[in-house]
Amino acid sequence: MSPQPTEYRPISCDYHDLLESFAIARASAQICFRDAEGALQRRSAAITDVFARDGSEYLLMSTGETVRLDHLLAVNDFKLADY
């Protein structure tokens, strides 16, 4: 059984800007996040887009996966909690 979706919590503008700079660079990044079930996930992938849909913001990875921005933990050791 999947957990109920949580309401989107906007991230800081500074961290959003950081994610956009990674998307522009298209370089491989270490992305750490929690999946829909709350499990810790890690990917080595480029961020190819940062976008909004249905009141939430997401990033698209070169793997084809999307991650809701408030589920991110860190990108290249830049921790969301520090912003």
C-alpha atoms as a PDB file:
ATOM      1  CA  MET A   1       0.000   0.000   0.000  1.00  0.00           C
ATOM      2  CA  SER A   2       1.465   3.393  -1.029  1.00  0.00           C
ATOM      3  CA  PRO A   3       1.526   6.230   1.482  1.00  0.00           C
ATOM      4  CA  GLN A   4      -0.783   9.200   0.950  1.00  0.00           C
ATOM      5  CA  PRO A   5       0.857  11.992  -1.041  1.00  0.00           C
ATOM      6  CA  THR A   6       1.952  14.897   1.108  1.00  0.00           C
ATOM      7  CA  GLU A   7       1.348  18.551   0.385  1.00  0.00           C
ATOM      8  CA  TYR A   8       4.238  20.167  -1.478  1.00  0.00           C
ATOM      9  CA  ARG A   9       6.567  22.259   0.705  1.00  0.00           C
ATOM     10  CA  PRO A  10       8.353  24.886  -1.416  1.00  0.00           C
ATOM     11  CA  ILE A  11      12.141  24.845  -1.191  1.00  0.00           C
ATOM     12  CA  SER A  12      14.343  27.917  -0.753  1.00  0.00           C
ATOM     13  CA  CYS A  13      14.931  30.135  -3.768  1.00  0.00           C
ATOM     14  CA  ASP A  14      18.697  29.807  -3.260  1.00  0.00           C
ATOM     15  CA  TYR A  15      18.534  26.011  -3.512  1.00  0.00           C
ATOM     16  CA  HIS A  16      16.213  26.263  -6.516  1.00  0.00           C
ATOM     17  CA  ASP A  17      18.791  28.531  -8.194  1.00  0.00           C
ATOM     18  CA  LEU A  18      21.497  25.968  -7.417  1.00  0.00           C
ATOM     19  CA  LEU A  19      19.440  23.216  -9.064  1.00  0.00           C
ATOM     20  CA  GLU A  20      18.905  25.384 -12.134  1.00  0.00           C
ATOM     21  CA  SER A  21      22.667  25.959 -12.395  1.00  0.00           C
ATOM     22  CA  PHE A  22      23.187  22.177 -12.346  1.00  0.00           C
ATOM     23  CA  ALA A  23      20.553  21.822 -15.073  1.00  0.00           C
ATOM     24  CA  ILE A  24      22.305  24.396 -17.252  1.00  0.00           C
ATOM     25  CA  ALA A  25      25.671  22.626 -16.799  1.00  0.00           C
ATOM     26  CA  ARG A  26      24.170  19.189 -17.616  1.00  0.00           C
ATOM     27  CA  ALA A  27      27.089  17.596 -15.740  1.00  0.00           C
ATOM     28  CA  SER A  28      26.704  14.385 -13.778  1.00  0.00           C
ATOM     29  CA  ALA A  29      25.677  14.980 -10.161  1.00  0.00           C
ATOM     30  CA  GLN A  30      25.215  12.827  -7.072  1.00  0.00           C
ATOM     31  CA  ILE A  31      21.514  13.147  -6.213  1.00  0.00           C
ATOM     32  CA  CYS A  32      20.159  11.882  -2.900  1.00  0.00           C
ATOM     33  CA  PHE A  33      16.401  11.867  -2.243  1.00  0.00           C
ATOM     34  CA  ARG A  34      13.512  10.027  -0.609  1.00  0.00           C
ATOM     35  CA  ASP A  35      11.211   8.118  -2.959  1.00  0.00           C
ATOM     36  CA  ALA A  36       7.402   8.029  -2.674  1.00  0.00           C
ATOM     37  CA  GLU A  37       7.640   5.275  -0.050  1.00  0.00           C
ATOM     38  CA  GLY A  38      10.215   7.249   1.979  1.00  0.00           C
ATOM     39  CA  ALA A  39      13.181   5.030   1.095  1.00  0.00           C
ATOM     40  CA  LEU A  40      16.570   6.657   0.605  1.00  0.00           C
ATOM     41  CA  GLN A  41      17.638   6.730  -3.045  1.00  0.00           C
ATOM     42  CA  ARG A  42      20.896   7.798  -4.692  1.00  0.00           C
ATOM     43  CA  ARG A  43      21.541   8.456  -8.354  1.00  0.00           C
ATOM     44  CA  SER A  44      24.497   9.589 -10.376  1.00  0.00           C
ATOM     45  CA  ALA A  45      22.813  11.540 -13.165  1.00  0.00           C
ATOM     46  CA  ALA A  46      22.624  14.924 -14.821  1.00  0.00           C
ATOM     47  CA  ILE A  47      19.770  17.254 -13.938  1.00  0.00           C
ATOM     48  CA  THR A  48      18.181  18.011 -17.295  1.00  0.00           C
ATOM     49  CA  ASP A  49      15.253  20.187 -16.209  1.00  0.00           C
ATOM     50  CA  VAL A  50      13.646  21.895 -13.220  1.00  0.00           C
ATOM     51  CA  PHE A  51       9.925  22.484 -13.721  1.00  0.00           C
ATOM     52  CA  ALA A  52       6.551  23.019 -12.048  1.00  0.00           C
ATOM     53  CA  ARG A  53       3.471  20.854 -12.526  1.00  0.00           C
ATOM     54  CA  ASP A  54       0.173  20.715 -10.616  1.00  0.00           C
ATOM     55  CA  GLY A  55       1.367  23.003  -7.820  1.00  0.00           C
ATOM     56  CA  SER A  56       4.637  21.154  -7.146  1.00  0.00           C
ATOM     57  CA  GLU A  57       8.177  21.553  -8.453  1.00  0.00           C
ATOM     58  CA  TYR A  58      10.303  18.736  -9.839  1.00  0.00           C
ATOM     59  CA  LEU A  59      13.640  17.968 -11.361  1.00  0.00           C
ATOM     60  CA  LEU A  60      14.154  15.645 -14.287  1.00  0.00           C
ATOM     61  CA  MET A  61      17.254  13.465 -14.317  1.00  0.00           C
ATOM     62  CA  SER A  62      19.084  12.075 -17.322  1.00  0.00           C
ATOM     63  CA  THR A  63      17.822   8.650 -16.177  1.00  0.00           C
ATOM     64  CA  GLY A  64      14.296   9.792 -17.098  1.00  0.00           C
ATOM     65  CA  GLU A  65      13.205   9.867 -13.449  1.00  0.00           C
ATOM     66  CA  THR A  66      11.546  12.869 -11.838  1.00  0.00           C
ATOM     67  CA  VAL A  67      11.950  13.882  -8.200  1.00  0.00           C
ATOM     68  CA  ARG A  68       9.753  16.329  -6.348  1.00  0.00           C
ATOM     69  CA  LEU A  69      12.048  19.065  -5.058  1.00  0.00           C
ATOM     70  CA  ASP A  70      10.910  18.813  -1.443  1.00  0.00           C
ATOM     71  CA  HIS A  71      11.945  15.120  -1.501  1.00  0.00           C
ATOM     72  CA  LEU A  72      15.557  16.010  -2.232  1.00  0.00           C
ATOM     73  CA  LEU A  73      18.127  15.571   0.502  1.00  0.00           C
ATOM     74  CA  ALA A  74      21.308  16.656  -1.302  1.00  0.00           C
ATOM     75  CA  VAL A  75      22.862  17.268  -4.682  1.00  0.00           C
ATOM     76  CA  ASN A  76      26.661  17.011  -4.844  1.00  0.00           C
ATOM     77  CA  ASP A  77      26.874  17.389  -1.052  1.00  0.00           C
ATOM     78  CA  PHE A  78      24.783  20.590  -1.121  1.00  0.00           C
ATOM     79  CA  LYS A  79      22.173  19.637   1.480  1.00  0.00           C
ATOM     80  CA  LEU A  80      18.669  21.039   1.091  1.00  0.00           C
ATOM     81  CA  ALA A  81      18.412  21.311   4.887  1.00  0.00           C
ATOM     82  CA  ASP A  82      21.276  23.848   4.849  1.00  0.00           C
ATOM     83  CA  TYR A  83      19.262  26.285   2.708  1.00  0.00           C
END
